[in-house]
């Protein structure tokens, strides 16, 4: 039996339950997954400091791919530290309407958000100027813009879709203008992929009115963060979103990848066995696809969607199943596929 090894970044709150769910699913696959764990919980970070991230980097250098669970942020975000240390340049968040999930939005959504993982307003916490003013620096770099654009166009080729770039380029002439220039340059390398740019605020209205007009959207850092959360809200739950982060070499090939559920640590329900592992399982499906098992990766993601559509869900989205009971429903569908 073929075997793969991956890093497993254990976090806070419901992290242990999500990990158990992923392990249960992994044990049902037609190949082996060896998990190499590293504890990045708040307790461990407080006790060990920066050495925790040294261990993360050592394991990432060895395995190249990781599954990460939610972590608590008190002062510094572990996500940002890991992103910086690994050199992640692109974040991909797919959002798709899931039949069986109640929501207030009645049109179907199938959108891939490709977000630059660095820069924007997230690089500088800012500073006060006197009592009544404050300032922060906003940075856009050409390299990550190019990587995100190329990722978006390659994704659109796979999806047989199109690319929309979105920012406030008419106002932020320098920063967002640089981003749009980089995307347009890359677009010429993909003449068969339809491409257009839209103002970010107008695009939000466009998605709500005509979601079918949007397939792959590429944006600067904070715009992509806002957009992916809004889309998850439209499909009914932030807890249904999964995310992947990528680092690249000079040739544009992926060197490191990390996959994680987009939701938080949910400390109010931690340890009760009732959290929804759907996003973690979707993320694991994307990880499996990334390591070369595309058929199984798609089967995992389809099994999660089908379980929810059939009403086999956890309480947060109207069902009655426990975390592990939902996981077993997904495993049953995977087992039936092999």
Protein backbone atom coordinates (compact mmCIF):
# COMPACT_ATOMS: atom_id res chain seq x y z
CA UNK A 1 0.00 0.00 0.00
CA UNK A 2 1.30 3.44 -0.92
CA UNK A 3 2.08 5.75 2.00
CA UNK A 4 2.36 9.51 2.40
CA UNK A 5 3.66 11.56 5.33
CA UNK A 6 2.32 14.97 6.30
CA UNK A 7 2.74 17.49 9.11
CA UNK A 8 -0.20 17.83 11.49
CA UNK A 9 -0.39 21.17 13.32
CA UNK A 10 -2.48 20.67 16.47
CA UNK A 11 -4.15 23.79 17.86
CA UNK A 12 -6.72 24.90 20.42
CA UNK A 13 -10.40 24.43 21.23
CA UNK A 14 -12.00 21.90 18.92
CA UNK A 15 -8.63 21.06 17.30
CA UNK A 16 -8.39 17.63 18.96
CA UNK A 17 -11.86 16.64 17.78
CA UNK A 18 -11.19 17.77 14.23
CA UNK A 19 -7.93 15.82 14.26
CA UNK A 20 -9.73 12.70 15.42
CA UNK A 21 -12.25 13.11 12.61
CA UNK A 22 -9.51 13.48 9.99
CA UNK A 23 -7.66 10.44 11.33
CA UNK A 24 -10.85 8.38 11.19
CA UNK A 25 -11.32 9.33 7.55
CA UNK A 26 -7.65 8.77 6.70
CA UNK A 27 -7.82 5.21 8.05
CA UNK A 28 -10.53 4.39 5.50
CA UNK A 29 -8.51 5.45 2.43
CA UNK A 30 -6.89 3.00 -0.01
CA UNK A 31 -3.42 4.35 0.89
CA UNK A 32 -1.66 5.26 4.09
CA UNK A 33 -1.29 8.71 5.64
CA UNK A 34 1.39 9.09 8.31
CA UNK A 35 0.77 12.14 10.51
CA UNK A 36 3.81 13.87 12.03
CA UNK A 37 2.27 16.05 14.78
CA UNK A 38 3.50 19.34 16.18
CA UNK A 39 1.66 21.07 19.04
CA UNK A 40 1.13 24.78 18.36
CA UNK A 41 -1.58 25.30 20.97
CA UNK A 42 -1.56 28.49 23.01
CA UNK A 43 -0.31 26.58 26.06
CA UNK A 44 2.68 25.22 24.15
CA UNK A 45 3.42 28.55 22.50
CA UNK A 46 3.42 30.26 25.90
CA UNK A 47 5.73 27.61 27.31
CA UNK A 48 8.16 27.23 24.41
CA UNK A 49 8.01 30.53 22.56
CA UNK A 50 9.58 30.74 19.10
CA UNK A 51 10.99 27.22 19.32
CA UNK A 52 7.49 25.93 18.47
CA UNK A 53 7.75 27.52 15.04
CA UNK A 54 11.29 26.16 14.59
CA UNK A 55 9.78 22.68 15.00
CA UNK A 56 7.06 23.55 12.49
CA UNK A 57 9.64 24.61 9.94
CA UNK A 58 11.78 21.53 10.48
CA UNK A 59 8.80 19.28 9.84
CA UNK A 60 7.62 21.34 6.85
CA UNK A 61 11.09 21.08 5.31
CA UNK A 62 10.84 17.30 5.66
CA UNK A 63 7.25 16.63 4.53
CA UNK A 64 6.37 19.72 2.41
CA UNK A 65 2.64 19.51 3.19
CA UNK A 66 0.59 20.07 6.35
CA UNK A 67 -2.88 19.79 7.83
CA UNK A 68 -3.50 22.59 10.33
CA UNK A 69 -6.29 23.01 12.88
CA UNK A 70 -7.63 26.23 14.46
CA UNK A 71 -5.39 28.17 16.85
CA UNK A 72 -6.10 30.91 19.37
CA UNK A 73 -4.63 34.36 18.74
CA UNK A 74 -3.83 36.50 21.78
CA UNK A 75 -1.10 38.87 20.65
CA UNK A 76 0.46 37.42 17.50
CA UNK A 77 -1.47 35.26 15.04
CA UNK A 78 0.10 31.79 14.62
CA UNK A 79 -1.34 31.77 11.11
CA UNK A 80 0.64 34.88 10.21
CA UNK A 81 3.85 33.58 11.79
CA UNK A 82 3.59 30.28 9.91
CA UNK A 83 2.64 32.10 6.72
CA UNK A 84 5.70 34.34 7.00
CA UNK A 85 8.09 31.54 7.95
CA UNK A 86 6.91 29.22 5.18
CA UNK A 87 6.80 32.00 2.62
CA UNK A 88 3.19 31.31 1.70
CA UNK A 89 2.27 33.68 -1.12
CA UNK A 90 -1.18 32.47 -2.15
CA UNK A 91 -4.29 31.41 -0.23
CA UNK A 92 -7.06 29.52 -2.04
CA UNK A 93 -10.57 29.33 -0.60
CA UNK A 94 -13.22 27.46 -2.61
CA UNK A 95 -16.83 28.23 -1.66
CA UNK A 96 -19.74 26.21 -3.03
CA UNK A 97 -23.43 26.09 -2.15
CA UNK A 98 -24.13 22.91 -0.18
CA UNK A 99 -27.64 21.48 -0.66
CA UNK A 100 -29.16 20.74 2.72
CA UNK A 101 -27.71 23.80 4.46
CA UNK A 102 -30.30 26.45 5.28
CA UNK A 103 -29.30 29.98 4.34
CA UNK A 104 -30.79 33.34 3.41
CA UNK A 105 -29.35 33.34 -0.12
CA UNK A 106 -31.28 31.34 -2.68
CA UNK A 107 -28.97 31.41 -5.66
CA UNK A 108 -26.17 28.88 -6.20
CA UNK A 109 -22.56 29.86 -5.53
CA UNK A 110 -19.48 28.14 -6.93
CA UNK A 111 -16.59 30.55 -6.54
CA UNK A 112 -12.86 30.08 -5.93
CA UNK A 113 -11.23 32.97 -4.08
CA UNK A 114 -7.50 33.31 -4.76
CA UNK A 115 -6.00 35.71 -2.26
CA UNK A 116 -2.50 37.13 -2.02
CA UNK A 117 -1.24 35.86 1.34
CA UNK A 118 1.02 38.81 2.11
CA UNK A 119 0.92 42.57 2.10
CA UNK A 120 -2.14 44.76 2.08
CA UNK A 121 -3.07 46.33 5.40
CA UNK A 122 -2.12 43.20 7.37
CA UNK A 123 1.63 43.80 7.33
CA UNK A 124 1.58 46.89 9.56
CA UNK A 125 -0.37 47.21 12.81
CA UNK A 126 -0.08 50.99 12.49
CA UNK A 127 0.69 53.64 15.05
CA UNK A 128 -1.05 56.50 16.79
CA UNK A 129 -0.15 60.07 15.87
CA UNK A 130 -1.02 62.18 18.85
CA UNK A 131 -4.40 61.56 20.43
CA UNK A 132 -6.87 61.71 17.55
CA UNK A 133 -5.02 60.28 14.54
CA UNK A 134 -3.45 57.03 13.44
CA UNK A 135 -1.64 55.76 10.36
CA UNK A 136 -0.68 52.38 8.90
CA UNK A 137 1.31 51.31 5.86
CA UNK A 138 -0.23 49.28 3.03
CA UNK A 139 2.16 47.23 0.90
CA UNK A 140 1.59 45.47 -2.42
CA UNK A 141 4.50 43.50 -3.92
CA UNK A 142 4.76 42.46 -7.54
CA UNK A 143 6.05 38.93 -6.86
CA UNK A 144 3.07 37.65 -4.82
CA UNK A 145 0.67 39.40 -7.23
CA UNK A 146 2.17 37.45 -10.12
CA UNK A 147 2.07 34.15 -8.23
CA UNK A 148 -1.57 34.66 -7.24
CA UNK A 149 -2.52 35.62 -10.79
CA UNK A 150 -0.82 32.59 -12.30
CA UNK A 151 -2.47 30.31 -9.71
CA UNK A 152 -5.86 31.83 -10.56
CA UNK A 153 -5.48 31.31 -14.30
CA UNK A 154 -4.27 27.72 -13.87
CA UNK A 155 -7.26 27.07 -11.63
CA UNK A 156 -9.59 28.59 -14.21
CA UNK A 157 -8.13 26.24 -16.83
CA UNK A 158 -8.95 23.24 -14.63
CA UNK A 159 -12.43 24.59 -13.88
CA UNK A 160 -13.00 25.61 -17.51
CA UNK A 161 -14.00 28.96 -16.07
CA UNK A 162 -12.83 32.57 -16.14
CA UNK A 163 -10.87 35.00 -13.93
CA UNK A 164 -12.00 38.24 -12.33
CA UNK A 165 -9.47 40.48 -10.58
CA UNK A 166 -10.94 42.82 -7.97
CA UNK A 167 -9.55 45.78 -6.04
CA UNK A 168 -10.03 49.53 -5.64
CA UNK A 169 -7.67 50.40 -8.46
CA UNK A 170 -9.45 53.68 -9.30
CA UNK A 171 -8.72 54.98 -5.79
CA UNK A 172 -5.58 53.10 -4.75
CA UNK A 173 -3.75 53.97 -7.96
CA UNK A 174 -0.30 52.90 -6.80
CA UNK A 175 -0.93 49.81 -4.67
CA UNK A 176 -4.00 48.27 -6.30
CA UNK A 177 -2.85 49.57 -9.66
CA UNK A 178 0.33 47.49 -9.31
CA UNK A 179 -1.77 44.42 -8.47
CA UNK A 180 -4.01 44.89 -11.52
CA UNK A 181 -1.02 45.43 -13.80
CA UNK A 182 0.52 42.16 -12.61
CA UNK A 183 -2.71 40.22 -13.18
CA UNK A 184 -3.21 41.70 -16.64
CA UNK A 185 0.36 40.78 -17.60
CA UNK A 186 -0.23 37.16 -16.58
CA UNK A 187 -3.56 37.11 -18.40
CA UNK A 188 -1.73 37.46 -21.73
CA UNK A 189 -0.08 34.09 -21.06
CA UNK A 190 -3.53 32.47 -20.93
CA UNK A 191 -5.32 33.80 -24.04
CA UNK A 192 -7.93 31.06 -23.85
CA UNK A 193 -9.14 32.15 -20.40
CA UNK A 194 -11.64 35.01 -20.26
CA UNK A 195 -10.50 37.76 -17.91
CA UNK A 196 -11.91 41.03 -16.61
CA UNK A 197 -11.28 43.39 -13.71
CA UNK A 198 -13.92 44.85 -11.42
CA UNK A 199 -13.99 47.33 -8.58
CA UNK A 200 -14.17 45.32 -5.37
CA UNK A 201 -17.26 47.01 -3.93
CA UNK A 202 -19.16 46.75 -7.21
CA UNK A 203 -18.18 43.10 -7.44
CA UNK A 204 -19.74 42.37 -4.04
CA UNK A 205 -23.04 43.68 -5.35
CA UNK A 206 -22.53 41.72 -8.56
CA UNK A 207 -22.03 38.44 -6.71
CA UNK A 208 -25.24 38.92 -4.75
CA UNK A 209 -27.25 39.77 -7.85
CA UNK A 210 -25.59 37.50 -10.43
CA UNK A 211 -23.35 34.88 -8.73
CA UNK A 212 -23.27 32.79 -11.90
CA UNK A 213 -21.07 35.46 -13.49
CA UNK A 214 -18.18 34.64 -11.14
CA UNK A 215 -15.85 31.64 -11.17
CA UNK A 216 -12.29 32.39 -10.05
CA UNK A 217 -11.65 35.71 -8.28
CA UNK A 218 -8.13 36.94 -7.49
CA UNK A 219 -7.63 39.77 -4.98
CA UNK A 220 -5.11 41.42 -2.69
CA UNK A 221 -4.78 40.12 0.86
CA UNK A 222 -7.46 41.79 2.95
CA UNK A 223 -9.98 41.91 0.09
CA UNK A 224 -9.78 38.13 -0.24
CA UNK A 225 -10.22 37.71 3.50
CA UNK A 226 -13.41 39.80 3.49
CA UNK A 227 -14.74 38.16 0.33
CA UNK A 228 -14.29 34.54 1.41
CA UNK A 229 -16.05 35.17 4.74
CA UNK A 230 -18.94 36.88 2.97
CA UNK A 231 -19.31 33.96 0.57
CA UNK A 232 -19.29 31.45 3.44
CA UNK A 233 -22.03 33.50 5.06
CA UNK A 234 -24.07 33.34 1.87
CA UNK A 235 -23.87 29.53 1.77
CA UNK A 236 -24.95 29.34 5.41
CA UNK A 237 -21.93 28.97 7.68
CA UNK A 238 -18.36 30.22 8.14
CA UNK A 239 -17.68 26.72 9.47
CA UNK A 240 -18.16 25.21 6.00
CA UNK A 241 -15.17 26.94 4.43
CA UNK A 242 -11.76 25.35 3.88
CA UNK A 243 -8.50 26.96 2.92
CA UNK A 244 -5.13 26.11 1.39
CA UNK A 245 -1.88 28.10 1.43
CA UNK A 246 1.03 27.73 -1.00
CA UNK A 247 4.68 28.70 -1.28
CA UNK A 248 6.51 28.64 -4.62
CA UNK A 249 10.01 28.47 -6.02
CA UNK A 250 11.40 30.83 -8.65
CA UNK A 251 9.94 28.68 -11.43
CA UNK A 252 6.45 29.02 -9.98
CA UNK A 253 6.24 25.43 -8.73
CA UNK A 254 4.63 24.74 -5.33
CA UNK A 255 7.24 23.96 -2.66
CA UNK A 256 5.13 23.97 0.53
CA UNK A 257 1.39 23.60 1.08
CA UNK A 258 -0.87 23.83 4.13
CA UNK A 259 -4.55 22.95 4.37
CA UNK A 260 -6.95 24.01 7.12
CA UNK A 261 -10.59 24.69 8.00
CA UNK A 262 -11.35 28.39 7.84
CA UNK A 263 -13.35 28.45 11.09
CA UNK A 264 -12.16 29.21 14.62
CA UNK A 265 -11.42 27.28 17.79
CA UNK A 266 -15.05 27.30 19.11
CA UNK A 267 -14.02 27.09 22.79
CA UNK A 268 -17.67 27.12 23.92
CA UNK A 269 -18.25 23.64 22.50
CA UNK A 270 -14.73 22.18 22.69
CA UNK A 271 -14.60 18.67 24.11
CA UNK A 272 -18.31 17.99 23.71
CA UNK A 273 -18.04 16.00 20.48
CA UNK A 274 -20.58 18.14 18.66
CA UNK A 275 -18.44 20.39 16.46
CA UNK A 276 -18.87 20.26 12.70
CA UNK A 277 -15.81 18.65 11.06
CA UNK A 278 -17.03 19.29 7.49
CA UNK A 279 -14.53 22.08 6.73
CA UNK A 280 -11.64 20.05 8.15
CA UNK A 281 -12.64 17.06 6.02
CA UNK A 282 -13.01 19.26 2.94
CA UNK A 283 -9.53 20.66 3.62
CA UNK A 284 -8.18 17.14 4.01
CA UNK A 285 -9.76 16.25 0.68
CA UNK A 286 -7.89 19.13 -0.92
CA UNK A 287 -4.67 17.94 0.75
CA UNK A 288 -5.19 14.43 -0.61
CA UNK A 289 -5.74 15.87 -4.08
CA UNK A 290 -2.55 17.95 -3.72
CA UNK A 291 -0.33 14.96 -2.85
CA UNK A 292 -1.34 13.28 -6.09
CA UNK A 293 -4.45 11.30 -5.18
CA UNK A 294 -6.84 13.47 -7.18
CA UNK A 295 -9.60 10.89 -7.52
CA UNK A 296 -9.72 10.20 -3.79
CA UNK A 297 -9.47 13.88 -2.92
CA UNK A 298 -12.50 14.66 -5.06
CA UNK A 299 -14.32 11.64 -3.61
CA UNK A 300 -13.74 12.96 -0.07
CA UNK A 301 -15.08 16.39 -0.92
CA UNK A 302 -18.07 14.87 -2.72
CA UNK A 303 -18.78 12.55 0.23
CA UNK A 304 -18.88 15.51 2.63
CA UNK A 305 -21.24 17.42 0.36
CA UNK A 306 -23.46 14.37 -0.20
CA UNK A 307 -23.73 13.61 3.52
CA UNK A 308 -24.89 17.15 4.20
CA UNK A 309 -27.31 17.09 1.26
CA UNK A 310 -28.84 13.87 2.59
CA UNK A 311 -29.45 15.46 6.00
CA UNK A 312 -26.64 13.59 7.78
CA UNK A 313 -25.39 16.70 9.56
CA UNK A 314 -24.29 18.11 12.89
CA UNK A 315 -26.46 20.36 15.01
CA UNK A 316 -25.01 23.67 13.86
CA UNK A 317 -26.60 23.22 10.43
CA UNK A 318 -29.83 21.58 11.50
CA UNK A 319 -28.87 17.96 12.09
CA UNK A 320 -28.49 15.75 15.14
CA UNK A 321 -25.21 13.92 14.55
CA UNK A 322 -22.12 14.09 16.73
CA UNK A 323 -18.72 14.92 15.24
CA UNK A 324 -17.74 11.28 14.90
CA UNK A 325 -21.19 10.16 13.71
CA UNK A 326 -21.01 12.67 10.86
CA UNK A 327 -17.48 11.49 10.09
CA UNK A 328 -18.73 7.90 9.89
CA UNK A 329 -21.39 8.95 7.38
CA UNK A 330 -18.63 10.42 5.21
CA UNK A 331 -16.50 7.28 5.64
CA UNK A 332 -19.43 5.09 4.57
CA UNK A 333 -19.72 7.04 1.33
CA UNK A 334 -15.97 6.82 0.69
CA UNK A 335 -15.98 3.08 1.37
CA UNK A 336 -18.84 2.60 -1.08
CA UNK A 337 -16.76 4.33 -3.76
CA UNK A 338 -13.98 1.75 -3.52
